[in-house]
Amino acid sequence: MSETAERIDWSSRLARRTEGQNSVIGGILALANASGVINFTGGFPDPEVFPTDSLAPIVDRLLTGDVQVALQYAPSEGIASTRDTFGELLRQREGRRPGPGELMVTSGGIDAITLLAKSLLDPADAVVVEEPSYLGAVSGFGAFGTTVRGVPMDEDGLDVDAFAAMLTAGPRPKLLYTIPEHQNPSGRTQSLARREALVRLCRQHGVLIVEDVAYRELSFDGSRLPSLWAMDPEITVQIGTFSKTIFPGVRLGWAAGPAEVIAQMAVAKQNSDQCAGALGQRMVEEFIRDGLFDAQLVRERALYRRRGEATVRSLRAHMPAGVTWTEPTGGFFTWLHVPGVDTTELALSARERDVAFVPGASFFAERVEHEYLRLSFSRISEPDIDEGLRRLALAIRG
């Protein structure tokens, strides 16, 4: 650039839909491998349970006998044998198998959210999410210019009565996004009665349910309630990921739902990343076909249960009076309420003590809430959990 040339302000030329978008997820990912910090931020699986011994022979097998498929582009809806394997897994888990055209392979859960937004949402549309909710969904749906509404939760999950009142009072949202099991960020699980009421309500009002089952397999005791998709597949799109249960490096998941919706999601994928990586699809497919998935889940549930229980013990031991939290029964998270404390500011003082967490404000779509924070215990050893929560308690006390 010449000395006299004016610098172009590219920020003034960004799309209008980027206004107000934050980089909380980017910040979480940037902290993923920070050294010297007890890190409660990212909802990452622990590499300790990555099935490297099982994956190595699978990769060797694919690279010697399946290069025409595993190293090639794949159909946008996914490799046929992979979709067949995922469909059979759903039949075993949910008691129902997707019909023709009702299942596609995605590049993880956030890809499914983006594809749904591209396929279904216009700027005038409304989407409802739980409050709090997965910040990737809050920002992902909002990025398309839609109105993102929030419905409150309690210990039994999404407040269906509050959602019913919202439907009666205002325009009908096009879809509802919910995480029924071990919710991100709250750790809560939706009760059976709430699930039944929610399905009835959404069918009555013609609202599509988007059910995110990222943590469904990670119940500490292996228990599971019926999924919303199994209860009514005509009004539900189930989106899932293997990032939490096998490993996130291949970014692989699925979407199962009405054939018309899945077909348009596949078209939308042609205009994004075109297809999920074929090698990853075949690796996960073979891992499941070899009968390795259930043994993997047993190891993971045991590890995360120990860490979840250690987190609750340390919270009880160290937190000041008035601080409350959810007690996880699965997944990676607990959700703290710290009355009278702005947790965005608290995060700064906590970092001075070499401990990190995610402030709660970004998990809300409508309400402005600054007294909450999310802790992820999935990648932290029990001694570090205790030390980290001791430091956090000192930061709270000031």
Foldseek 3Di string as FASTA:
>chain_A
DDPPDDDDDCVVVDDPLCPPDDCLVVVLVVCPPDPLFLEQADQAFAPVLAPVVVLVVLLVCCVVPPCVFQVDDAALQGHPLLLVLVQVVCCVVQVDGFDPLFKGKALAQLLVLLLLLVQPDALDAEEEEEVQADLSNLSSNSSRNHAYHYAYADQQGGDLVSVLVVVVPDPDHQEYEYAQALGVFAGHHHDPVRLVSNLVSCVVVVHAYEYEDAWQCWQLVRDHDRDSCSVPQARYKYKYFCCRQHNSPQRMIMIGHDSVSSVSSSVVSCVPVSHRNRNVSSSVSVCVVVVNRVVSSNVLSNLQVVQLVLLVVLCVVAADPPKDWDRHRTGFKIKIFQPPDQVVVLQVLLVVVSYHWAFSQSSGNPDGDRRMTMGGRNHGDSVSSNVSSNSSRVSSVD
